[in-house]
Amino acid sequence: MSVYVVRAFIQQRDVLSANEAILKRLAEIDKTLLQHNAALRDIYQKLLPLLQPPPEKPRPKIGFHERRARYGFKRI
């Protein structure tokens, strides 16, 4: 019977050590994700002005323009 008890404790120790390794790896992944999150936030902030539409510039009118309208001449 004591052999079963020893085997159970050995199995429990193996499971706990596996959990520790998993928790350590998860902590490393979390740290990496936080670094990447900060880098992506910086990139997004720098790209945000480029994503905005350009300001509208007044377009010149196409076609015939009367000279007096352009230079302020009065109609006689």
C-alpha atoms as a PDB file:
ATOM      1  CA  MET A   1       0.000   0.000   0.000  1.00  0.00           C
ATOM      2  CA  SER A   2       2.854   2.402   0.777  1.00  0.00           C
ATOM      3  CA  VAL A   3       4.117   1.970  -2.801  1.00  0.00           C
ATOM      4  CA  TYR A   4       0.865   3.456  -4.079  1.00  0.00           C
ATOM      5  CA  VAL A   5       1.170   6.389  -1.700  1.00  0.00           C
ATOM      6  CA  VAL A   6       4.740   7.070  -2.861  1.00  0.00           C
ATOM      7  CA  ARG A   7       3.667   6.818  -6.519  1.00  0.00           C
ATOM      8  CA  ALA A   8       0.812   9.261  -5.872  1.00  0.00           C
ATOM      9  CA  PHE A   9       3.181  11.792  -4.311  1.00  0.00           C
ATOM     10  CA  ILE A  10       5.637  11.391  -7.194  1.00  0.00           C
ATOM     11  CA  GLN A  11       2.818  11.939  -9.691  1.00  0.00           C
ATOM     12  CA  GLN A  12       1.637  14.991  -7.733  1.00  0.00           C
ATOM     13  CA  ARG A  13       5.192  16.407  -7.729  1.00  0.00           C
ATOM     14  CA  ASP A  14       5.452  15.916 -11.531  1.00  0.00           C
ATOM     15  CA  VAL A  15       2.125  17.655 -12.109  1.00  0.00           C
ATOM     16  CA  LEU A  16       3.113  20.591  -9.896  1.00  0.00           C
ATOM     17  CA  SER A  17       6.475  20.993 -11.639  1.00  0.00           C
ATOM     18  CA  ALA A  18       4.710  20.923 -15.014  1.00  0.00           C
ATOM     19  CA  ASN A  19       2.331  23.622 -13.771  1.00  0.00           C
ATOM     20  CA  GLU A  20       5.264  25.756 -12.652  1.00  0.00           C
ATOM     21  CA  ALA A  21       6.847  25.470 -16.110  1.00  0.00           C
ATOM     22  CA  ILE A  22       3.557  26.403 -17.753  1.00  0.00           C
ATOM     23  CA  LEU A  23       3.088  29.392 -15.437  1.00  0.00           C
ATOM     24  CA  LYS A  24       6.647  30.564 -16.112  1.00  0.00           C
ATOM     25  CA  ARG A  25       6.084  30.326 -19.876  1.00  0.00           C
ATOM     26  CA  LEU A  26       2.765  32.193 -19.573  1.00  0.00           C
ATOM     27  CA  ALA A  27       4.505  34.971 -17.644  1.00  0.00           C
ATOM     28  CA  GLU A  28       7.106  35.270 -20.434  1.00  0.00           C
ATOM     29  CA  ILE A  29       4.364  35.400 -23.074  1.00  0.00           C
ATOM     30  CA  ASP A  30       2.478  38.038 -21.083  1.00  0.00           C
ATOM     31  CA  LYS A  31       5.597  40.195 -20.798  1.00  0.00           C
ATOM     32  CA  THR A  32       6.233  39.906 -24.553  1.00  0.00           C
ATOM     33  CA  LEU A  33       2.623  40.778 -25.354  1.00  0.00           C
ATOM     34  CA  LEU A  34       2.786  43.885 -23.181  1.00  0.00           C
ATOM     35  CA  GLN A  35       5.922  45.038 -25.012  1.00  0.00           C
ATOM     36  CA  HIS A  36       4.291  44.398 -28.393  1.00  0.00           C
ATOM     37  CA  ASN A  37       1.126  46.165 -27.275  1.00  0.00           C
ATOM     38  CA  ALA A  38       3.106  49.285 -26.387  1.00  0.00           C
ATOM     39  CA  ALA A  39       4.977  49.194 -29.705  1.00  0.00           C
ATOM     40  CA  LEU A  40       1.751  48.763 -31.683  1.00  0.00           C
ATOM     41  CA  ARG A  41       0.134  51.639 -29.782  1.00  0.00           C
ATOM     42  CA  ASP A  42       3.067  53.896 -30.719  1.00  0.00           C
ATOM     43  CA  ILE A  43       2.832  52.871 -34.373  1.00  0.00           C
ATOM     44  CA  TYR A  44      -0.922  53.481 -34.392  1.00  0.00           C
ATOM     45  CA  GLN A  45      -0.491  56.961 -32.887  1.00  0.00           C
ATOM     46  CA  LYS A  46       2.064  57.817 -35.562  1.00  0.00           C
ATOM     47  CA  LEU A  47      -0.102  56.467 -38.391  1.00  0.00           C
ATOM     48  CA  LEU A  48      -3.323  58.107 -37.210  1.00  0.00           C
ATOM     49  CA  PRO A  49      -2.617  61.505 -38.860  1.00  0.00           C
ATOM     50  CA  LEU A  50      -1.857  59.723 -42.131  1.00  0.00           C
ATOM     51  CA  LEU A  51      -5.226  57.971 -42.041  1.00  0.00           C
ATOM     52  CA  GLN A  52      -7.150  61.250 -41.893  1.00  0.00           C
ATOM     53  CA  PRO A  53      -8.418  62.561 -45.238  1.00  0.00           C
ATOM     54  CA  PRO A  54      -6.413  65.464 -46.644  1.00  0.00           C
ATOM     55  CA  PRO A  55      -7.886  68.936 -46.137  1.00  0.00           C
ATOM     56  CA  GLU A  56     -10.069  70.145 -48.966  1.00  0.00           C
ATOM     57  CA  LYS A  57      -8.363  72.757 -51.123  1.00  0.00           C
ATOM     58  CA  PRO A  58     -10.519  75.078 -53.170  1.00  0.00           C
ATOM     59  CA  ARG A  59     -10.371  73.866 -56.731  1.00  0.00           C
ATOM     60  CA  PRO A  60     -10.060  76.419 -59.525  1.00  0.00           C
ATOM     61  CA  LYS A  61     -13.164  76.735 -61.643  1.00  0.00           C
ATOM     62  CA  ILE A  62     -12.874  75.320 -65.104  1.00  0.00           C
ATOM     63  CA  GLY A  63     -14.156  77.261 -68.103  1.00  0.00           C
ATOM     64  CA  PHE A  64     -14.467  80.811 -69.389  1.00  0.00           C
ATOM     65  CA  HIS A  65     -13.971  83.624 -66.894  1.00  0.00           C
ATOM     66  CA  GLU A  66     -14.947  87.165 -67.718  1.00  0.00           C
ATOM     67  CA  ARG A  67     -12.153  89.630 -67.477  1.00  0.00           C
ATOM     68  CA  ARG A  68     -14.076  92.232 -65.534  1.00  0.00           C
ATOM     69  CA  ALA A  69     -15.095  89.686 -62.930  1.00  0.00           C
ATOM     70  CA  ARG A  70     -11.501  88.688 -62.516  1.00  0.00           C
ATOM     71  CA  TYR A  71      -9.949  92.171 -62.379  1.00  0.00           C
ATOM     72  CA  GLY A  72     -12.827  94.129 -60.871  1.00  0.00           C
ATOM     73  CA  PHE A  73     -13.859  96.089 -63.996  1.00  0.00           C
ATOM     74  CA  LYS A  74     -17.319  97.587 -63.856  1.00  0.00           C
ATOM     75  CA  ARG A  75     -19.878  97.049 -66.528  1.00  0.00           C
ATOM     76  CA  ILE A  76     -20.422 100.103 -68.704  1.00  0.00           C
END
